[in-house]
Protein backbone atom coordinates (compact mmCIF):
# COMPACT_ATOMS: atom_id res chain seq x y z
CA UNK A 1 -92.04 35.41 63.76
CA UNK A 2 -92.77 34.95 60.17
CA UNK A 3 -89.24 34.35 58.23
CA UNK A 4 -88.55 33.85 54.17
CA UNK A 5 -85.18 31.68 53.53
CA UNK A 6 -83.98 32.78 49.76
CA UNK A 7 -81.37 30.05 49.82
CA UNK A 8 -80.73 27.29 47.29
CA UNK A 9 -78.41 25.19 49.11
CA UNK A 10 -79.56 22.95 50.98
CA UNK A 11 -77.70 22.31 53.63
CA UNK A 12 -77.50 25.94 54.15
CA UNK A 13 -80.70 26.32 54.54
CA UNK A 14 -81.72 23.89 56.94
CA UNK A 15 -78.68 25.00 59.10
CA UNK A 16 -80.21 28.40 59.09
CA UNK A 17 -83.05 26.95 59.56
CA UNK A 18 -82.12 25.66 62.96
CA UNK A 19 -80.10 28.78 63.44
CA UNK A 20 -83.03 30.85 63.29
CA UNK A 21 -85.65 28.08 65.16
CA UNK A 22 -82.39 28.07 68.32
CA UNK A 23 -82.10 32.17 68.80
CA UNK A 24 -85.99 32.78 68.16
CA UNK A 25 -90.10 31.70 68.32
CA UNK A 26 -91.35 30.89 64.52
CA UNK A 27 -94.76 31.71 62.95
CA UNK A 28 -93.75 30.13 59.85
CA UNK A 29 -90.71 29.74 57.66
CA UNK A 30 -91.06 29.40 53.80
CA UNK A 31 -88.20 28.43 51.71
CA UNK A 32 -87.08 29.61 48.02
CA UNK A 33 -84.39 28.99 45.51
CA UNK A 34 -84.63 31.04 42.87
CA UNK A 35 -85.07 34.91 42.91
CA UNK A 36 -88.63 34.22 41.16
CA UNK A 37 -89.66 31.99 43.71
CA UNK A 38 -88.24 34.79 46.63
CA UNK A 39 -90.74 37.62 44.60
CA UNK A 40 -93.82 34.80 44.79
CA UNK A 41 -93.52 33.93 48.09
CA UNK A 42 -93.51 38.08 49.19
CA UNK A 43 -96.45 38.74 46.71
CA UNK A 44 -98.21 35.61 48.63
CA UNK A 45 -97.45 35.97 52.35
CA UNK A 46 -96.38 38.11 54.97
CA UNK A 47 -92.93 38.08 56.63
CA UNK A 48 -91.23 39.84 59.52
CA UNK A 49 -87.69 38.79 58.32
CA UNK A 50 -86.19 37.77 54.56
CA UNK A 51 -82.94 36.12 54.79
CA UNK A 52 -81.55 36.18 51.27
CA UNK A 53 -78.03 34.56 49.41
CA UNK A 54 -76.54 36.36 47.35
CA UNK A 55 -75.69 33.58 44.57
CA UNK A 56 -79.14 32.40 44.70
CA UNK A 57 -80.04 31.84 40.62
CA UNK A 58 -82.90 34.16 38.99
CA UNK A 59 -83.02 36.85 36.74
CA UNK A 60 -84.75 39.30 38.32
CA UNK A 61 -81.73 41.95 40.63
CA UNK A 62 -81.61 42.68 44.48
CA UNK A 63 -83.43 45.67 44.05
CA UNK A 64 -86.80 44.56 42.94
CA UNK A 65 -86.74 41.79 45.61
CA UNK A 66 -86.36 44.94 48.19
CA UNK A 67 -89.04 47.07 46.68
CA UNK A 68 -91.08 44.30 46.98
CA UNK A 69 -91.04 43.05 50.90
CA UNK A 70 -93.42 45.77 53.43
CA UNK A 71 -91.29 48.35 54.82
CA UNK A 72 -90.92 46.63 57.84
CA UNK A 73 -89.55 43.62 56.47
CA UNK A 74 -85.88 43.16 58.08
CA UNK A 75 -83.61 42.21 54.61
CA UNK A 76 -81.03 39.65 55.99
CA UNK A 77 -78.24 39.58 52.96
CA UNK A 78 -75.75 36.51 52.92
CA UNK A 79 -72.64 37.68 51.69
CA UNK A 80 -69.54 35.03 50.37
CA UNK A 81 -67.41 38.03 51.95
CA UNK A 82 -67.13 40.94 53.31
CA UNK A 83 -69.90 44.01 51.65
CA UNK A 84 -70.35 46.55 52.95
CA UNK A 85 -72.74 49.43 51.32
CA UNK A 86 -75.74 48.06 50.68
CA UNK A 87 -79.76 49.74 51.18
CA UNK A 88 -80.70 51.16 54.75
CA UNK A 89 -83.44 48.02 55.80
CA UNK A 90 -80.52 45.43 54.51
CA UNK A 91 -78.25 43.50 57.20
CA UNK A 92 -75.55 42.18 56.01
CA UNK A 93 -73.81 39.18 56.54
CA UNK A 94 -71.11 36.63 56.24
CA UNK A 95 -71.83 33.01 55.01
CA UNK A 96 -68.37 32.31 56.30
CA UNK A 97 -68.89 33.25 59.23
CA UNK A 98 -68.55 30.53 62.49
CA UNK A 99 -71.24 29.56 64.09
CA UNK A 100 -71.16 31.81 67.69
CA UNK A 101 -70.97 34.57 65.05
CA UNK A 102 -73.99 33.99 63.10
CA UNK A 103 -75.46 33.34 66.41
CA UNK A 104 -74.14 36.55 67.77
CA UNK A 105 -75.45 38.48 64.40
CA UNK A 106 -79.03 36.43 64.29
CA UNK A 107 -79.47 37.74 68.14
CA UNK A 108 -78.99 41.03 66.93
CA UNK A 109 -80.90 41.02 63.88
CA UNK A 110 -84.36 39.67 65.93
CA UNK A 111 -83.98 42.69 68.75
CA UNK A 112 -84.26 44.82 65.58
CA UNK A 113 -80.59 45.67 64.78
CA UNK A 114 -79.03 46.67 61.49
CA UNK A 115 -75.45 44.95 60.68
CA UNK A 116 -73.27 46.15 58.20
CA UNK A 117 -70.44 44.48 58.09
CA UNK A 118 -69.56 40.73 59.89
CA UNK A 119 -69.42 40.79 63.48
CA UNK A 120 -65.95 39.65 62.85
CA UNK A 121 -65.01 43.17 61.49
CA UNK A 122 -67.35 44.80 64.27
CA UNK A 123 -65.22 42.83 66.57
CA UNK A 124 -61.52 43.84 65.00
CA UNK A 125 -62.62 47.06 65.00
CA UNK A 126 -63.58 47.32 68.50
CA UNK A 127 -60.98 45.35 69.81
CA UNK A 128 -58.47 47.29 68.75
CA UNK A 129 -59.48 50.69 66.77
CA UNK A 130 -59.08 48.77 63.00
CA UNK A 131 -60.25 50.70 60.14
CA UNK A 132 -62.40 48.65 57.91
CA UNK A 133 -59.69 48.54 55.26
CA UNK A 134 -56.88 47.02 58.09
CA UNK A 135 -60.16 44.36 59.36
CA UNK A 136 -59.80 42.92 55.71
CA UNK A 137 -56.25 42.74 55.39
CA UNK A 138 -55.93 41.44 58.74
CA UNK A 139 -59.01 38.73 57.05
CA UNK A 140 -56.81 38.29 54.17
CA UNK A 141 -53.71 37.17 56.14
CA UNK A 142 -55.76 35.28 58.10
CA UNK A 143 -56.88 32.96 55.06
CA UNK A 144 -53.14 32.40 53.77
CA UNK A 145 -53.19 35.13 51.56
CA UNK A 146 -49.46 36.92 50.59
CA UNK A 147 -49.01 40.51 50.56
CA UNK A 148 -48.96 40.36 46.42
CA UNK A 149 -52.30 38.66 46.71
CA UNK A 150 -54.12 40.69 48.64
CA UNK A 151 -52.69 43.60 47.08
CA UNK A 152 -54.33 42.33 43.80
CA UNK A 153 -57.48 41.50 45.89
CA UNK A 154 -57.86 44.91 46.84
CA UNK A 155 -56.97 46.46 44.73
CA UNK A 156 -54.48 48.23 46.13
CA UNK A 157 -50.23 47.86 46.81
CA UNK A 158 -48.17 45.92 47.85
CA UNK A 159 -46.89 48.80 49.93
CA UNK A 160 -49.81 49.14 51.09
CA UNK A 161 -50.71 46.10 52.29
CA UNK A 162 -47.97 46.18 54.11
CA UNK A 163 -48.01 49.29 56.60
CA UNK A 164 -51.71 47.94 57.00
CA UNK A 165 -49.99 45.05 57.93
CA UNK A 166 -47.73 47.11 60.23
CA UNK A 167 -50.41 49.01 61.40
CA UNK A 168 -52.45 45.56 62.26
CA UNK A 169 -49.41 44.51 64.28
CA UNK A 170 -49.04 47.71 66.00
CA UNK A 171 -52.84 47.88 67.10
CA UNK A 172 -53.29 44.45 68.02
CA UNK A 173 -49.86 44.07 69.49
CA UNK A 174 -48.90 41.39 67.59
CA UNK A 175 -45.09 40.15 66.78
CA UNK A 176 -45.54 36.36 65.25
CA UNK A 177 -47.76 34.87 63.06
CA UNK A 178 -48.26 32.72 65.34
CA UNK A 179 -49.65 36.17 66.98
CA UNK A 180 -51.93 36.60 64.17
CA UNK A 181 -53.60 32.95 64.23
CA UNK A 182 -54.28 33.28 68.17
CA UNK A 183 -56.28 36.79 67.77
CA UNK A 184 -57.98 35.26 65.23
CA UNK A 185 -59.62 32.54 66.90
CA UNK A 186 -59.82 34.74 69.67
CA UNK A 187 -62.25 36.84 67.96
CA UNK A 188 -63.90 33.98 66.46
CA UNK A 189 -62.61 34.30 62.53
CA UNK A 190 -60.36 30.33 62.60
């Protein structure tokens, strides 16, 4: 496996290299700290996977980087928050996932799967049949957001957030804040 990592944070880059090596045998790994370095490496070497962080500095836009890669290049976009809409050949993982979720996501990606949402979102939806909006509301509550703050963050009304929280409580059988925290831990979010 040939990997290009476009992450400018040294600790995150090192951790990702170690995770990749734990999940799959690697032929080589090239690292880049800017979008321009990513583009230069794509032109110089063939890669199977490109892991690129949304906050990587540089003047180029992501679409020019995606277009430069070979058609079989699997792109993994590392986002600070949930991203639902990306190009067909792009997987999206959340930076804030715990180590177990990262391992599961990387294993799935190495098997050729495309991940559009975080592993936490997928597990929540499977566990309780939550919609993607309910999953976002669930995550925000676990992060300590109030109803008003959640509404402001999501661009919806407070009453809508209250309705989502009530539906989540019913679907996941949550009666107290303690139950929310316990479910968040079970699903690997906390």
